[in-house]
Amino acid sequence: MLTRSLGRSDLLITPPGFGTWAVGGAGRPFAWGHQDDGQSITAIHEAIDLGIDWIDTERRSIGALLPA
Protein backbone atom coordinates (compact mmCIF):
# COMPACT_ATOMS: atom_id res chain seq x y z
CA MET A 1 0.00 0.00 0.00
CA LEU A 2 1.14 3.53 -0.73
CA THR A 3 2.64 5.43 2.21
CA ARG A 4 3.38 9.09 2.84
CA SER A 5 5.48 11.00 5.35
CA LEU A 6 3.65 12.14 8.46
CA GLY A 7 4.21 15.89 8.47
CA ARG A 8 7.90 16.68 8.51
CA SER A 9 8.84 13.47 10.31
CA ASP A 10 10.44 10.36 8.88
CA LEU A 11 7.37 8.30 9.84
CA LEU A 12 5.52 6.75 6.92
CA ILE A 13 1.79 6.11 7.17
CA THR A 14 -0.92 4.99 4.77
CA PRO A 15 -2.99 7.83 3.26
CA PRO A 16 -6.28 6.16 4.18
CA GLY A 17 -6.64 6.01 7.93
CA PHE A 18 -9.20 4.47 10.23
CA GLY A 19 -11.19 7.04 12.21
CA THR A 20 -12.65 5.81 15.47
CA TRP A 21 -15.11 8.55 16.34
CA ALA A 22 -18.11 6.21 16.22
CA VAL A 23 -16.30 3.41 18.05
CA GLY A 24 -16.58 5.30 21.35
CA GLY A 25 -20.34 4.82 21.42
CA ALA A 26 -22.85 6.85 23.39
CA GLY A 27 -22.45 8.96 26.51
CA ARG A 28 -20.30 11.81 25.23
CA PRO A 29 -20.95 15.03 23.34
CA PHE A 30 -21.63 14.52 19.63
CA ALA A 31 -21.64 10.71 20.05
CA TRP A 32 -23.19 8.56 17.35
CA GLY A 33 -25.07 6.35 19.83
CA HIS A 34 -24.43 2.82 21.02
CA GLN A 35 -21.87 0.80 19.06
CA ASP A 36 -21.17 -2.91 19.35
CA ASP A 37 -17.63 -3.34 20.71
CA GLY A 38 -17.21 -6.69 18.94
CA GLN A 39 -18.05 -5.16 15.57
CA SER A 40 -15.74 -2.22 16.26
CA ILE A 41 -12.83 -4.52 17.10
CA THR A 42 -13.54 -6.62 13.99
CA ALA A 43 -13.51 -3.47 11.83
CA ILE A 44 -10.16 -2.38 13.31
CA HIS A 45 -8.65 -5.80 12.64
CA GLU A 46 -9.98 -5.69 9.07
CA ALA A 47 -8.39 -2.29 8.50
CA ILE A 48 -5.04 -3.62 9.75
CA ASP A 49 -5.37 -6.74 7.59
CA LEU A 50 -5.94 -4.47 4.57
CA GLY A 51 -2.69 -2.64 5.30
CA ILE A 52 -3.99 0.51 6.98
CA ASP A 53 -1.49 1.54 9.63
CA TRP A 54 -2.86 4.91 10.72
CA ILE A 55 -5.63 4.52 13.31
CA ASP A 56 -7.06 7.50 15.18
CA THR A 57 -6.91 6.29 18.78
CA GLU A 58 -8.06 9.41 20.57
CA ARG A 59 -8.73 8.30 24.16
CA ARG A 60 -12.38 9.32 24.28
CA SER A 61 -13.29 7.43 21.12
CA ILE A 62 -11.41 4.12 21.25
CA GLY A 63 -9.55 4.22 24.56
CA ALA A 64 -11.92 1.83 26.32
CA LEU A 65 -11.14 -0.91 23.76
CA LEU A 66 -7.35 -0.59 24.06
CA PRO A 67 -5.45 -2.76 26.52
CA ALA A 68 -4.07 -0.88 29.51
PDB file of N, CA and C in Angstrom:
ATOM      1  N   MET A   1       0.849  -1.179   0.000  1.00  0.00           N
ATOM      2  CA  MET A   1       0.000   0.000   0.000  1.00  0.00           C
ATOM      3  C   MET A   1       0.892   1.239   0.000  1.00  0.00           C
ATOM      4  N   LEU A   2       0.440   2.260  -0.661  1.00  0.00           N
ATOM      5  CA  LEU A   2       1.143   3.527  -0.727  1.00  0.00           C
ATOM      6  C   LEU A   2       1.293   4.118   0.668  1.00  0.00           C
ATOM      7  N   THR A   3       2.447   4.728   0.940  1.00  0.00           N
ATOM      8  CA  THR A   3       2.635   5.433   2.207  1.00  0.00           C
ATOM      9  C   THR A   3       3.113   6.845   1.923  1.00  0.00           C
ATOM     10  N   ARG A   4       2.939   7.700   2.925  1.00  0.00           N
ATOM     11  CA  ARG A   4       3.384   9.090   2.841  1.00  0.00           C
ATOM     12  C   ARG A   4       4.017   9.482   4.170  1.00  0.00           C
ATOM     13  N   SER A   5       4.864  10.492   4.116  1.00  0.00           N
ATOM     14  CA  SER A   5       5.477  11.001   5.346  1.00  0.00           C
ATOM     15  C   SER A   5       4.419  11.672   6.209  1.00  0.00           C
ATOM     16  N   LEU A   6       4.543  11.484   7.504  1.00  0.00           N
ATOM     17  CA  LEU A   6       3.650  12.143   8.456  1.00  0.00           C
ATOM     18  C   LEU A   6       4.267  13.494   8.802  1.00  0.00           C
ATOM     19  N   GLY A   7       3.679  14.537   8.257  1.00  0.00           N
ATOM     20  CA  GLY A   7       4.206  15.886   8.472  1.00  0.00           C
ATOM     21  C   GLY A   7       5.639  15.994   7.999  1.00  0.00           C
ATOM     22  N   ARG A   8       6.482  16.527   8.847  1.00  0.00           N
ATOM     23  CA  ARG A   8       7.896  16.683   8.508  1.00  0.00           C
ATOM     24  C   ARG A   8       8.743  15.579   9.133  1.00  0.00           C
ATOM     25  N   SER A   9       8.110  14.555   9.663  1.00  0.00           N
ATOM     26  CA  SER A   9       8.839  13.469  10.313  1.00  0.00           C
ATOM     27  C   SER A   9       9.298  12.437   9.288  1.00  0.00           C
ATOM     28  N   ASP A  10      10.026  11.461   9.765  1.00  0.00           N
ATOM     29  CA  ASP A  10      10.440  10.365   8.884  1.00  0.00           C
ATOM     30  C   ASP A  10       9.494   9.167   9.014  1.00  0.00           C
ATOM     31  N   LEU A  11       8.375   9.356   9.708  1.00  0.00           N
ATOM     32  CA  LEU A  11       7.371   8.298   9.841  1.00  0.00           C
ATOM     33  C   LEU A  11       6.558   8.189   8.560  1.00  0.00           C
ATOM     34  N   LEU A  12       6.337   6.983   8.104  1.00  0.00           N
ATOM     35  CA  LEU A  12       5.518   6.749   6.919  1.00  0.00           C
ATOM     36  C   LEU A  12       4.205   6.104   7.349  1.00  0.00           C
ATOM     37  N   ILE A  13       3.109   6.657   6.868  1.00  0.00           N
ATOM     38  CA  ILE A  13       1.787   6.106   7.175  1.00  0.00           C
ATOM     39  C   ILE A  13       0.994   5.970   5.882  1.00  0.00           C
ATOM     40  N   THR A  14      -0.049   5.158   5.928  1.00  0.00           N
ATOM     41  CA  THR A  14      -0.919   4.986   4.768  1.00  0.00           C
ATOM     42  C   THR A  14      -1.843   6.200   4.646  1.00  0.00           C
ATOM     43  N   PRO A  15      -2.086   6.692   3.421  1.00  0.00           N
ATOM     44  CA  PRO A  15      -2.994   7.826   3.263  1.00  0.00           C
ATOM     45  C   PRO A  15      -4.406   7.553   3.775  1.00  0.00           C
ATOM     46  N   PRO A  16      -4.995   6.379   3.523  1.00  0.00           N
ATOM     47  CA  PRO A  16      -6.279   6.161   4.184  1.00  0.00           C
ATOM     48  C   PRO A  16      -6.017   5.750   5.624  1.00  0.00           C
ATOM     49  N   GLY A  17      -6.738   6.372   6.521  1.00  0.00           N
ATOM     50  CA  GLY A  17      -6.642   6.012   7.927  1.00  0.00           C
ATOM     51  C   GLY A  17      -7.957   5.416   8.400  1.00  0.00           C
ATOM     52  N   PHE A  18      -7.993   5.019   9.645  1.00  0.00           N
ATOM     53  CA  PHE A  18      -9.203   4.466  10.233  1.00  0.00           C
ATOM     54  C   PHE A  18      -9.611   5.394  11.371  1.00  0.00           C
ATOM     55  N   GLY A  19     -10.676   6.147  11.167  1.00  0.00           N
ATOM     56  CA  GLY A  19     -11.185   7.041  12.206  1.00  0.00           C
ATOM     57  C   GLY A  19     -12.062   6.280  13.177  1.00  0.00           C
ATOM     58  N   THR A  20     -11.924   6.580  14.454  1.00  0.00           N
ATOM     59  CA  THR A  20     -12.648   5.805  15.471  1.00  0.00           C
ATOM     60  C   THR A  20     -13.698   6.616  16.219  1.00  0.00           C
ATOM     61  N   TRP A  21     -14.135   7.712  15.638  1.00  0.00           N
ATOM     62  CA  TRP A  21     -15.108   8.549  16.336  1.00  0.00           C
ATOM     63  C   TRP A  21     -16.335   7.741  16.763  1.00  0.00           C
ATOM     64  N   ALA A  22     -16.894   6.960  15.887  1.00  0.00           N
ATOM     65  CA  ALA A  22     -18.115   6.205  16.224  1.00  0.00           C
ATOM     66  C   ALA A  22     -17.848   5.038  17.168  1.00  0.00           C
ATOM     67  N   VAL A  23     -16.626   4.562  17.219  1.00  0.00           N
ATOM     68  CA  VAL A  23     -16.300   3.406  18.054  1.00  0.00           C
ATOM     69  C   VAL A  23     -16.554   3.691  19.532  1.00  0.00           C
ATOM     70  N   GLY A  24     -16.405   4.950  19.943  1.00  0.00           N
ATOM     71  CA  GLY A  24     -16.577   5.300  21.348  1.00  0.00           C
ATOM     72  C   GLY A  24     -17.984   5.121  21.875  1.00  0.00           C
ATOM     73  N   GLY A  25     -18.968   5.045  20.992  1.00  0.00           N
ATOM     74  CA  GLY A  25     -20.342   4.817  21.417  1.00  0.00           C
ATOM     75  C   GLY A  25     -20.999   6.041  22.029  1.00  0.00           C
ATOM     76  N   ALA A  26     -22.028   5.797  22.809  1.00  0.00           N
ATOM     77  CA  ALA A  26     -22.848   6.854  23.386  1.00  0.00           C
ATOM     78  C   ALA A  26     -22.216   7.415  24.661  1.00  0.00           C
ATOM     79  N   GLY A  27     -22.859   8.437  25.217  1.00  0.00           N
ATOM     80  CA  GLY A  27     -22.454   8.958  26.508  1.00  0.00           C
ATOM     81  C   GLY A  27     -21.428  10.065  26.468  1.00  0.00           C
ATOM     82  N   ARG A  28     -21.224  10.692  25.334  1.00  0.00           N
ATOM     83  CA  ARG A  28     -20.304  11.810  25.233  1.00  0.00           C
ATOM     84  C   ARG A  28     -20.862  12.793  24.210  1.00  0.00           C
ATOM     85  N   PRO A  29     -20.423  14.049  24.292  1.00  0.00           N
ATOM     86  CA  PRO A  29     -20.946  15.035  23.339  1.00  0.00           C
ATOM     87  C   PRO A  29     -20.720  14.604  21.890  1.00  0.00           C
ATOM     88  N   PHE A  30     -21.691  14.810  21.072  1.00  0.00           N
ATOM     89  CA  PHE A  30     -21.634  14.522  19.631  1.00  0.00           C
ATOM     90  C   PHE A  30     -21.461  13.032  19.324  1.00  0.00           C
ATOM     91  N   ALA A  31     -21.785  12.157  20.266  1.00  0.00           N
ATOM     92  CA  ALA A  31     -21.643  10.707  20.047  1.00  0.00           C
ATOM     93  C   ALA A  31     -22.649  10.238  19.000  1.00  0.00           C
ATOM     94  N   TRP A  32     -22.333   9.123  18.384  1.00  0.00           N
ATOM     95  CA  TRP A  32     -23.194   8.558  17.352  1.00  0.00           C
ATOM     96  C   TRP A  32     -24.127   7.497  17.914  1.00  0.00           C
ATOM     97  N   GLY A  33     -24.203   7.349  19.216  1.00  0.00           N
ATOM     98  CA  GLY A  33     -25.067   6.355  19.828  1.00  0.00           C
ATOM     99  C   GLY A  33     -24.320   5.063  20.107  1.00  0.00           C
ATOM    100  N   HIS A  34     -25.039   4.089  20.628  1.00  0.00           N
ATOM    101  CA  HIS A  34     -24.430   2.817  21.025  1.00  0.00           C
ATOM    102  C   HIS A  34     -23.773   2.122  19.836  1.00  0.00           C
ATOM    103  N   GLN A  35     -22.587   1.587  20.063  1.00  0.00           N
ATOM    104  CA  GLN A  35     -21.867   0.800  19.060  1.00  0.00           C
ATOM    105  C   GLN A  35     -21.507  -0.548  19.679  1.00  0.00           C
ATOM    106  N   ASP A  36     -21.541  -1.580  18.895  1.00  0.00           N
ATOM    107  CA  ASP A  36     -21.175  -2.913  19.352  1.00  0.00           C
ATOM    108  C   ASP A  36     -19.650  -3.036  19.388  1.00  0.00           C
ATOM    109  N   ASP A  37     -19.085  -3.266  20.578  1.00  0.00           N
ATOM    110  CA  ASP A  37     -17.626  -3.336  20.709  1.00  0.00           C
ATOM    111  C   ASP A  37     -17.032  -4.444  19.849  1.00  0.00           C
ATOM    112  N   GLY A  38     -17.709  -5.576  19.757  1.00  0.00           N
ATOM    113  CA  GLY A  38     -17.213  -6.687  18.945  1.00  0.00           C
ATOM    114  C   GLY A  38     -17.093  -6.303  17.480  1.00  0.00           C
ATOM    115  N   GLN A  39     -18.097  -5.611  16.963  1.00  0.00           N
ATOM    116  CA  GLN A  39     -18.048  -5.162  15.570  1.00  0.00           C
ATOM    117  C   GLN A  39     -16.961  -4.110  15.372  1.00  0.00           C
ATOM    118  N   SER A  40     -16.782  -3.248  16.357  1.00  0.00           N
ATOM    119  CA  SER A  40     -15.743  -2.225  16.260  1.00  0.00           C
ATOM    120  C   SER A  40     -14.360  -2.862  16.211  1.00  0.00           C
ATOM    121  N   ILE A  41     -14.119  -3.835  17.072  1.00  0.00           N
ATOM    122  CA  ILE A  41     -12.831  -4.523  17.100  1.00  0.00           C
ATOM    123  C   ILE A  41     -12.605  -5.270  15.793  1.00  0.00           C
ATOM    124  N   THR A  42     -13.645  -5.918  15.275  1.00  0.00           N
ATOM    125  CA  THR A  42     -13.542  -6.620  13.992  1.00  0.00           C
ATOM    126  C   THR A  42     -13.176  -5.643  12.873  1.00  0.00           C
ATOM    127  N   ALA A  43     -13.799  -4.466  12.865  1.00  0.00           N
ATOM    128  CA  ALA A  43     -13.511  -3.468  11.832  1.00  0.00           C
ATOM    129  C   ALA A  43     -12.065  -2.982  11.922  1.00  0.00           C
ATOM    130  N   ILE A  44     -11.555  -2.800  13.128  1.00  0.00           N
ATOM    131  CA  ILE A  44     -10.158  -2.378  13.308  1.00  0.00           C
ATOM    132  C   ILE A  44      -9.212  -3.454  12.784  1.00  0.00           C
ATOM    133  N   HIS A  45      -9.484  -4.697  13.129  1.00  0.00           N
ATOM    134  CA  HIS A  45      -8.647  -5.803  12.636  1.00  0.00           C
ATOM    135  C   HIS A  45      -8.691  -5.889  11.107  1.00  0.00           C
ATOM    136  N   GLU A  46      -9.841  -5.663  10.524  1.00  0.00           N
ATOM    137  CA  GLU A  46      -9.978  -5.692   9.065  1.00  0.00           C
ATOM    138  C   GLU A  46      -9.146  -4.582   8.428  1.00  0.00           C
ATOM    139  N   ALA A  47      -9.189  -3.396   9.028  1.00  0.00           N
ATOM    140  CA  ALA A  47      -8.388  -2.292   8.500  1.00  0.00           C
ATOM    141  C   ALA A  47      -6.899  -2.641   8.541  1.00  0.00           C
ATOM    142  N   ILE A  48      -6.452  -3.222   9.634  1.00  0.00           N
ATOM    143  CA  ILE A  48      -5.042  -3.624   9.753  1.00  0.00           C
ATOM    144  C   ILE A  48      -4.711  -4.688   8.722  1.00  0.00           C
ATOM    145  N   ASP A  49      -5.597  -5.674   8.571  1.00  0.00           N
ATOM    146  CA  ASP A  49      -5.371  -6.740   7.586  1.00  0.00           C
ATOM    147  C   ASP A  49      -5.272  -6.187   6.167  1.00  0.00           C
ATOM    148  N   LEU A  50      -5.969  -5.087   5.892  1.00  0.00           N
ATOM    149  CA  LEU A  50      -5.935  -4.466   4.568  1.00  0.00           C
ATOM    150  C   LEU A  50      -4.715  -3.572   4.372  1.00  0.00           C
ATOM    151  N   GLY A  51      -3.917  -3.407   5.424  1.00  0.00           N
ATOM    152  CA  GLY A  51      -2.692  -2.636   5.304  1.00  0.00           C
ATOM    153  C   GLY A  51      -2.747  -1.228   5.853  1.00  0.00           C
ATOM    154  N   ILE A  52      -3.874  -0.835   6.410  1.00  0.00           N
ATOM    155  CA  ILE A  52      -3.987   0.505   6.983  1.00  0.00           C
ATOM    156  C   ILE A  52      -3.214   0.522   8.298  1.00  0.00           C
ATOM    157  N   ASP A  53      -2.307   1.494   8.415  1.00  0.00           N
ATOM    158  CA  ASP A  53      -1.494   1.542   9.632  1.00  0.00           C
ATOM    159  C   ASP A  53      -1.651   2.848  10.407  1.00  0.00           C
ATOM    160  N   TRP A  54      -2.581   3.667  10.001  1.00  0.00           N
ATOM    161  CA  TRP A  54      -2.859   4.905  10.724  1.00  0.00           C
ATOM    162  C   TRP A  54      -4.271   4.805  11.297  1.00  0.00           C
ATOM    163  N   ILE A  55      -4.347   4.664  12.622  1.00  0.00           N
ATOM    164  CA  ILE A  55      -5.634   4.520  13.306  1.00  0.00           C
ATOM    165  C   ILE A  55      -5.750   5.633  14.336  1.00  0.00           C
ATOM    166  N   ASP A  56      -6.801   6.419  14.230  1.00  0.00           N
ATOM    167  CA  ASP A  56      -7.057   7.496  15.179  1.00  0.00           C
ATOM    168  C   ASP A  56      -7.480   6.852  16.491  1.00  0.00           C
ATOM    169  N   THR A  57      -6.625   6.943  17.496  1.00  0.00           N
ATOM    170  CA  THR A  57      -6.912   6.290  18.778  1.00  0.00           C
ATOM    171  C   THR A  57      -7.144   7.301  19.890  1.00  0.00           C
ATOM    172  N   GLU A  58      -7.764   8.398  19.568  1.00  0.00           N
ATOM    173  CA  GLU A  58      -8.058   9.414  20.571  1.00  0.00           C
ATOM    174  C   GLU A  58      -8.766   8.747  21.745  1.00  0.00           C
ATOM    175  N   ARG A  59      -8.294   9.011  22.956  1.00  0.00           N
ATOM    176  CA  ARG A  59      -8.733   8.303  24.161  1.00  0.00           C
ATOM    177  C   ARG A  59     -10.244   8.242  24.326  1.00  0.00           C
ATOM    178  N   ARG A  60     -10.929   9.322  24.051  1.00  0.00           N
ATOM    179  CA  ARG A  60     -12.375   9.325  24.284  1.00  0.00           C
ATOM    180  C   ARG A  60     -13.140   8.483  23.273  1.00  0.00           C
ATOM    181  N   SER A  61     -12.543   8.198  22.116  1.00  0.00           N
ATOM    182  CA  SER A  61     -13.286   7.434  21.122  1.00  0.00           C
ATOM    183  C   SER A  61     -12.998   5.936  21.202  1.00  0.00           C
ATOM    184  N   ILE A  62     -11.748   5.541  21.303  1.00  0.00           N
ATOM    185  CA  ILE A  62     -11.413   4.117  21.255  1.00  0.00           C
ATOM    186  C   ILE A  62     -10.695   3.646  22.517  1.00  0.00           C
ATOM    187  N   GLY A  63     -10.353   4.541  23.381  1.00  0.00           N
ATOM    188  CA  GLY A  63      -9.550   4.222  24.560  1.00  0.00           C
ATOM    189  C   GLY A  63     -10.058   3.046  25.382  1.00  0.00           C
ATOM    190  N   ALA A  64     -11.364   2.907  25.514  1.00  0.00           N
ATOM    191  CA  ALA A  64     -11.916   1.826  26.321  1.00  0.00           C
ATOM    192  C   ALA A  64     -11.651   0.452  25.712  1.00  0.00           C
ATOM    193  N   LEU A  65     -11.391   0.379  24.414  1.00  0.00           N
ATOM    194  CA  LEU A  65     -11.138  -0.906  23.755  1.00  0.00           C
ATOM    195  C   LEU A  65      -9.657  -1.289  23.751  1.00  0.00           C
ATOM    196  N   LEU A  66      -8.782  -0.327  24.085  1.00  0.00           N
ATOM    197  CA  LEU A  66      -7.351  -0.593  24.055  1.00  0.00           C
ATOM    198  C   LEU A  66      -6.897  -1.229  25.361  1.00  0.00           C
ATOM    199  N   PRO A  67      -5.965  -2.187  25.279  1.00  0.00           N
ATOM    200  CA  PRO A  67      -5.452  -2.763  26.520  1.00  0.00           C
ATOM    201  C   PRO A  67      -4.710  -1.708  27.323  1.00  0.00           C
ATOM    202  N   ALA A  68      -4.739  -1.847  28.625  1.00  0.00           N
ATOM    203  CA  ALA A  68      -4.074  -0.882  29.514  1.00  0.00           C
ATOM    204  C   ALA A  68      -2.574  -0.969  29.399  1.00  0.00           C
TER     205      ALA A  68
END
